[in-house]
Protein backbone atom coordinates (compact mmCIF):
# COMPACT_ATOMS: atom_id res chain seq x y z
CA MET A 1 117.24 163.09 185.97
CA ILE A 2 116.21 160.13 183.88
CA VAL A 3 112.60 160.49 182.72
CA THR A 4 110.40 157.62 181.60
CA VAL A 5 107.29 158.54 179.64
CA ALA A 6 104.71 155.96 180.67
CA THR A 7 101.73 157.24 178.71
CA PRO A 8 101.27 157.92 174.97
CA LEU A 9 102.76 161.29 174.05
CA GLY A 10 103.54 163.15 170.82
CA ALA A 11 107.15 163.27 169.60
CA GLN A 12 107.33 167.08 169.83
CA LEU A 13 106.32 166.98 173.49
CA VAL A 14 108.87 164.28 174.25
CA ALA A 15 111.45 166.54 172.59
CA ARG A 16 110.34 169.40 174.84
CA ILE A 17 111.19 167.30 177.91
CA ARG A 18 114.56 166.34 176.41
CA GLU A 19 115.48 170.03 176.10
CA LEU A 20 115.54 170.55 179.87
CA PRO A 21 118.97 171.08 181.44
CA SER A 22 117.90 168.95 184.41
CA VAL A 23 117.10 165.93 182.20
CA ARG A 24 119.93 163.58 181.31
CA GLU A 25 117.84 161.08 179.36
CA VAL A 26 114.23 160.50 178.28
CA LEU A 27 113.13 156.88 177.90
CA TYR A 28 110.20 156.62 175.50
CA GLU A 29 109.28 153.75 173.20
CA PRO A 30 105.88 154.33 171.59
CA ASP A 31 105.55 150.68 170.50
CA LEU A 32 105.54 149.66 174.19
CA LEU A 33 102.52 151.85 174.92
CA PRO A 34 98.88 151.23 173.93
CA PRO A 35 97.50 153.01 170.85
CA ILE A 36 95.37 156.04 171.68
CA ARG A 37 91.60 156.03 171.18
CA TYR A 38 91.27 159.81 170.96
CA PRO A 39 93.60 162.84 171.14
CA ASN A 40 95.49 163.08 174.45
CA ASP A 41 94.32 159.63 175.59
CA HIS A 42 96.44 158.77 178.62
CA GLY A 43 95.14 155.24 179.12
CA GLY A 44 95.19 154.01 175.55
CA ASP A 45 93.43 150.95 174.20
CA PRO A 46 92.64 148.69 177.21
CA ALA A 47 92.93 145.62 174.97
CA PHE A 48 96.63 146.33 174.33
CA ARG A 49 99.10 143.77 175.65
CA ARG A 50 102.88 143.86 175.50
CA THR A 51 104.80 140.76 174.45
CA PRO A 52 106.98 139.15 177.14
CA ASP A 53 110.00 140.81 175.53
CA GLY A 54 108.15 144.13 175.41
CA GLU A 55 107.18 143.80 179.06
CA ALA A 56 110.79 143.22 180.02
CA ARG A 57 111.91 146.26 178.00
CA PHE A 58 109.20 148.43 179.56
CA ASP A 59 110.08 147.30 183.09
CA ALA A 60 113.73 148.12 182.37
CA MET A 61 112.66 151.66 181.47
CA LEU A 62 110.66 151.94 184.70
CA ALA A 63 113.57 150.58 186.74
CA ARG A 64 115.91 153.33 185.49
CA ALA A 65 113.50 156.23 185.94
CA SER A 66 113.97 158.92 188.55
CA ALA A 67 110.91 160.77 187.19
CA LEU A 68 107.78 159.41 185.54
CA PHE A 69 105.38 161.19 183.20
CA GLY A 70 101.97 159.57 183.68
CA TYR A 71 101.69 155.94 184.72
CA PRO A 72 101.03 152.72 182.83
CA GLY A 73 97.47 152.32 181.65
CA ASP A 74 96.55 155.52 183.53
CA SER A 75 95.41 153.21 186.32
CA PRO A 76 96.16 152.66 190.03
CA ALA A 77 97.37 149.15 189.20
CA GLY A 78 99.76 150.57 186.62
CA LEU A 79 101.04 153.12 189.11
CA ALA A 80 101.56 150.42 191.77
CA HIS A 81 103.56 148.35 189.27
CA ALA A 82 105.68 151.32 188.22
CA VAL A 83 106.53 152.13 191.85
CA ALA A 84 107.35 148.49 192.65
CA VAL A 85 109.71 148.22 189.68
CA GLY A 86 111.08 151.77 189.83
CA ARG A 87 113.27 151.72 192.89
CA GLU A 88 115.08 154.87 191.62
CA LEU A 89 111.79 156.73 191.23
CA ARG A 90 111.52 160.04 193.08
CA PHE A 91 108.83 161.99 191.20
CA VAL A 92 105.59 161.06 189.40
CA GLN A 93 103.59 163.56 187.37
CA GLY A 94 99.93 162.58 187.10
CA THR A 95 97.91 163.64 184.07
CA ALA A 96 94.60 164.24 185.87
CA ALA A 97 93.49 166.91 188.32
CA GLY A 98 92.25 164.10 190.56
CA ALA A 99 95.48 162.08 190.38
CA GLY A 100 95.46 161.76 194.16
CA ALA A 101 92.69 159.19 193.90
CA ALA A 102 94.93 156.92 191.81
CA VAL A 103 97.74 157.26 194.37
CA ARG A 104 95.31 156.30 197.14
CA LEU A 105 93.93 153.31 195.22
CA ALA A 106 97.44 152.09 194.37
CA LYS A 107 97.83 151.26 198.09
CA LEU A 108 101.52 152.14 198.17
CA SER A 109 103.63 151.43 201.24
CA PRO A 110 104.57 154.25 203.64
CA PRO A 111 108.25 154.07 202.54
CA ASP A 112 107.20 154.45 198.89
CA LEU A 113 104.97 157.39 199.74
CA GLU A 114 107.88 158.91 201.61
CA ARG A 115 110.51 158.53 198.86
CA ILE A 116 108.32 159.66 195.93
CA THR A 117 106.71 163.04 195.34
CA PHE A 118 103.45 162.82 193.40
CA ALA A 119 101.88 165.74 191.55
CA SER A 120 98.49 166.16 189.93
CA ALA A 121 97.57 168.14 186.81
CA ALA A 122 95.32 170.47 188.79
CA GLY A 123 94.65 173.72 186.95
CA VAL A 124 95.36 172.32 183.50
CA HIS A 125 91.70 171.51 182.88
CA GLY A 126 90.12 174.47 184.71
CA ALA A 127 89.31 176.64 181.71
CA MET A 128 87.74 173.80 179.72
CA LEU A 129 85.57 172.67 182.61
CA ALA A 130 84.51 176.23 183.42
CA GLU A 131 83.49 176.72 179.79
CA PHE A 132 81.43 173.53 179.96
CA VAL A 133 79.68 174.77 183.11
CA PHE A 134 78.66 177.97 181.35
CA TYR A 135 77.72 176.17 178.16
CA GLY A 136 75.27 174.19 180.31
CA LEU A 137 74.02 177.12 182.38
CA LEU A 138 73.32 179.16 179.26
CA ALA A 139 71.68 176.27 177.41
CA LEU A 140 69.32 175.68 180.32
CA ARG A 141 68.60 179.32 181.24
CA LYS A 142 68.09 180.31 177.58
CA ASP A 143 65.95 177.18 176.96
CA ALA A 144 68.05 176.10 173.99
CA ARG A 145 65.93 173.04 173.25
CA ARG A 146 62.73 175.09 173.10
CA LEU A 147 64.38 177.64 170.83
CA ALA A 148 65.46 174.80 168.54
CA ARG A 149 61.89 173.47 168.43
CA LEU A 150 60.54 176.93 167.55
CA ARG A 151 62.95 177.12 164.65
CA THR A 152 62.02 173.63 163.43
CA GLU A 153 58.32 174.58 163.60
CA ARG A 154 58.94 177.98 161.93
CA SER A 155 57.19 179.49 164.92
CA TRP A 156 57.53 183.21 165.75
CA ALA A 157 56.20 182.71 169.31
CA HIS A 158 57.83 185.05 171.82
CA ILE A 159 59.13 183.40 174.97
CA VAL A 160 60.76 184.73 178.13
CA LEU A 161 64.36 183.57 178.65
CA GLY A 162 66.26 183.22 181.88
CA GLU A 163 69.42 185.17 182.67
CA LEU A 164 72.64 184.77 184.58
CA ASP A 165 73.21 188.44 185.37
CA GLY A 166 72.39 189.18 189.00
CA SER A 167 72.00 185.51 189.95
CA SER A 168 74.18 183.67 192.49
CA VAL A 169 76.42 180.67 192.00
CA ALA A 170 77.72 178.53 194.87
CA ILE A 171 81.07 176.96 193.98
CA VAL A 172 82.10 174.01 196.15
CA GLY A 173 85.88 173.81 195.93
CA MET A 174 87.89 176.85 194.88
CA GLY A 175 90.95 175.19 193.41
CA GLY A 176 91.95 175.63 189.78
CA ILE A 177 88.56 174.59 188.40
CA GLY A 178 86.48 176.48 190.95
CA SER A 179 88.54 179.63 190.48
CA ALA A 180 88.12 179.42 186.70
CA VAL A 181 84.35 179.12 187.19
CA ALA A 182 84.38 182.11 189.55
CA VAL A 183 86.24 184.34 187.07
CA ARG A 184 83.70 183.60 184.35
CA ALA A 185 80.78 183.97 186.75
CA ARG A 186 81.88 187.47 187.66
CA ALA A 187 82.16 188.34 183.97
CA PHE A 188 78.51 187.30 183.60
CA GLY A 189 77.52 189.56 186.50
CA MET A 190 76.87 186.69 188.91
CA ASN A 191 77.41 186.77 192.67
CA VAL A 192 79.99 184.17 193.70
CA LEU A 193 79.45 182.17 196.90
CA ALA A 194 82.58 180.15 197.63
CA VAL A 195 82.33 176.99 199.76
CA VAL A 196 85.78 176.06 201.06
CA ARG A 197 87.57 174.23 203.86
CA SER A 198 89.26 177.41 205.08
CA GLN A 199 87.64 180.16 207.14
CA GLU A 200 89.51 182.78 205.10
CA PRO A 201 87.51 184.89 202.61
CA HIS A 202 88.29 183.86 199.05
CA PRO A 203 89.48 186.77 196.86
CA LEU A 204 87.24 185.75 193.93
CA ALA A 205 84.10 185.41 196.06
CA ASP A 206 81.46 187.89 197.12
CA GLN A 207 80.91 185.69 200.17
CA THR A 208 82.83 182.71 201.53
CA PHE A 209 81.22 179.83 203.44
CA PRO A 210 83.09 177.13 205.37
CA ILE A 211 82.12 173.62 204.33
CA ALA A 212 80.03 173.28 207.50
CA GLN A 213 77.71 175.95 206.04
CA LEU A 214 77.28 174.19 202.70
CA HIS A 215 73.49 173.98 203.08
CA GLU A 216 73.23 177.69 203.76
CA ALA A 217 75.19 178.51 200.60
CA PHE A 218 73.04 176.12 198.57
CA ALA A 219 69.82 177.67 199.90
CA ARG A 220 70.97 181.09 198.65
CA CYS A 221 72.13 180.16 195.16
CA ASP A 222 70.61 179.93 191.70
CA ALA A 223 73.29 177.53 190.51
CA ALA A 224 75.64 175.19 192.36
CA VAL A 225 78.94 174.01 190.89
CA VAL A 226 80.84 171.10 192.48
CA THR A 227 84.51 170.76 191.55
CA LEU A 228 85.70 168.42 194.33
CA PRO A 229 88.10 165.49 193.95
CA ILE A 230 87.56 162.12 195.63
CA THR A 231 88.88 161.85 199.18
CA GLU A 232 87.60 160.15 202.31
CA LYS A 233 86.00 163.45 203.30
CA THR A 234 84.32 164.20 199.97
CA VAL A 235 82.71 160.86 199.05
CA GLY A 236 78.94 161.36 199.36
CA LEU A 237 79.38 164.90 200.68
CA ILE A 238 76.63 166.25 198.40
CA ASP A 239 73.92 164.02 199.80
CA ALA A 240 70.14 164.19 199.58
CA ARG A 241 69.97 166.77 202.39
CA ALA A 242 72.48 169.06 200.68
CA LEU A 243 70.67 168.74 197.34
CA GLY A 244 67.39 169.38 199.12
CA ALA A 245 68.70 172.74 200.32
CA LEU A 246 68.80 173.98 196.71
CA PRO A 247 65.80 176.00 195.48
CA PRO A 248 63.65 174.19 192.87
CA SER A 249 64.71 176.87 190.36
CA ALA A 250 68.41 176.05 190.78
CA ILE A 251 70.75 174.32 188.34
CA PHE A 252 73.18 171.77 189.76
CA CYS A 253 76.58 171.25 188.07
CA ASN A 254 79.18 168.59 188.79
CA VAL A 255 82.59 168.71 187.09
CA GLY A 256 84.53 167.14 189.97
CA ARG A 257 83.93 163.43 190.60
CA GLY A 258 80.70 161.46 190.45
CA ALA A 259 81.03 159.74 193.82
CA VAL A 260 80.95 163.10 195.61
CA VAL A 261 77.20 163.33 194.84
CA ASP A 262 74.23 161.13 195.76
CA GLN A 263 73.35 160.42 192.14
CA ALA A 264 70.12 158.59 192.95
CA ALA A 265 68.82 161.56 194.95
CA LEU A 266 69.88 163.98 192.21
CA THR A 267 68.14 161.92 189.53
CA ALA A 268 64.91 161.74 191.56
CA MET A 269 64.91 165.51 192.13
CA LEU A 270 65.42 166.22 188.43
CA ARG A 271 62.63 163.77 187.54
CA ASP A 272 60.21 165.22 190.08
CA GLY A 273 60.80 168.87 189.19
CA LYS A 274 62.57 169.66 192.46
CA LEU A 275 65.53 171.04 190.48
CA PHE A 276 65.41 173.11 187.32
CA GLY A 277 68.24 171.20 185.66
CA ALA A 278 71.73 169.80 185.87
CA VAL A 279 75.05 170.09 184.03
CA LEU A 280 77.00 166.86 184.49
CA ASP A 281 80.39 165.69 183.26
CA VAL A 282 80.99 163.00 185.91
CA PHE A 283 78.96 160.08 187.18
CA GLU A 284 79.01 157.06 189.46
CA PRO A 285 79.69 154.53 188.04
CA GLU A 286 81.48 155.34 184.81
CA PRO A 287 80.57 154.52 182.13
CA LEU A 288 77.00 155.30 183.18
CA PRO A 289 74.73 152.28 182.48
CA GLY A 290 72.90 152.67 179.18
CA ASN A 291 69.48 152.38 180.82
CA HIS A 292 70.08 155.16 183.35
CA PRO A 293 67.45 157.94 183.14
CA LEU A 294 70.09 160.70 183.13
CA TRP A 295 70.87 159.81 179.52
CA THR A 296 67.49 161.02 178.28
CA MET A 297 66.40 163.79 180.69
CA GLU A 298 65.79 167.01 178.74
CA ASN A 299 66.74 169.16 181.72
CA VAL A 300 70.23 167.63 181.88
CA ILE A 301 73.25 168.83 179.90
CA PHE A 302 75.36 165.68 179.64
CA SER A 303 79.01 164.94 178.84
CA PRO A 304 80.55 161.44 179.21
CA HIS A 305 83.46 162.74 181.33
CA THR A 306 84.97 164.44 178.30
CA ALA A 307 84.38 168.13 179.07
CA ALA A 308 87.98 168.72 180.17
CA LEU A 309 89.57 167.25 177.05
CA SER A 310 91.25 169.82 174.83
CA GLN A 311 93.56 169.37 171.87
CA HIS A 312 96.07 171.36 173.93
CA GLU A 313 95.77 169.20 177.07
CA ASN A 314 99.05 167.30 176.74
CA GLU A 315 100.94 170.49 175.86
CA ARG A 316 99.78 172.04 179.13
CA ILE A 317 100.55 168.95 181.21
CA VAL A 318 104.03 168.69 179.70
CA GLU A 319 104.70 172.34 180.52
CA LEU A 320 103.63 171.66 184.12
CA PHE A 321 105.88 168.57 184.21
CA CYS A 322 108.86 170.52 182.83
CA ASP A 323 108.33 173.27 185.38
CA ASN A 324 108.23 170.68 188.15
CA LEU A 325 111.42 169.00 186.95
CA GLU A 326 113.20 172.37 187.00
CA ARG A 327 111.82 173.03 190.47
CA ILE A 328 113.15 169.68 191.69
CA ALA A 329 116.56 170.49 190.22
CA LYS A 330 116.54 173.78 192.14
CA ARG A 331 115.26 172.07 195.31
CA LEU A 332 112.01 174.04 195.21
CA PRO A 333 108.55 172.65 196.06
CA VAL A 334 106.74 171.17 193.07
CA ARG A 335 103.42 172.53 191.86
CA ASN A 336 100.32 170.48 192.68
CA ALA A 337 102.09 168.15 195.10
CA ILE A 338 99.63 165.50 196.33
CA ASP A 339 99.07 165.21 200.06
CA THR A 340 99.63 161.51 200.70
CA THR A 341 97.53 161.60 203.86
CA GLU A 342 94.34 162.95 202.28
CA PHE A 343 95.44 162.10 198.71
CA TYR A 344 94.46 165.51 197.43
């Protein structure tokens, strides 16, 4: 296979791809890719522009590729361009767990969707996002801000703290992220309520609910964790009625995609004391407008969609990519193949 690396990547990781027996050539020219803004930045500086000569060289690399690591600008438009130019292209490795959304938004033709296998990076970010969920749950249940104020005031006042042990967490979506949350929840002594599309009991759950019983699971939990990607079926799924099923003492967490949740309803509930707190890594829109109340709410643990970013992220995605290239060479199914009907 001829591999084109279409997103900024360290030299050692490019060398790792070159080592594969199934790879004949790796096309990678760092000067044709945007400079990174932070470690493992797949989009790069949006102000970057290639010269006409650079654009021609980059398109020549895309035209020769049978496999693509990432896609230009980490955007649907970049993916659409790569597919249009890359007539030899047969496999694209996305760098995000929700890479299916980019494939959907690229509006590729049925023949292109048929000839190319797309894979997401699902599972790569699970541990980091699960850790963020529990960072938030602990900060809110242990009243971290109040403890900080007591220390600032040199106050020896005794306060009662909340606990996770014996409480219940409803996890909506039991893929790589949801499963990572479930493993850590069980370690904290929590009861796991899995909300899934299947009717089959999930092995990591104490109880499994089909998605039609989402409200019932929410009514029985002390914390809800949403890990869902964007599809036609998930947009707006966690609406005001679903949020209203949560007890006022519950904490709501979203580490999936912002558009899955009715953000206005969530914000109002947090403001009015109808929810204890929230742990949020994703929003709609992104970036969140600077005047949005979620920025300053004390009962919200907030991350600007950065909770999944680890210094080891690209290492893990490259290992997934290498495994998939070897699977293709052996005519085996790739890991994390994207369903091009539901784009998940």
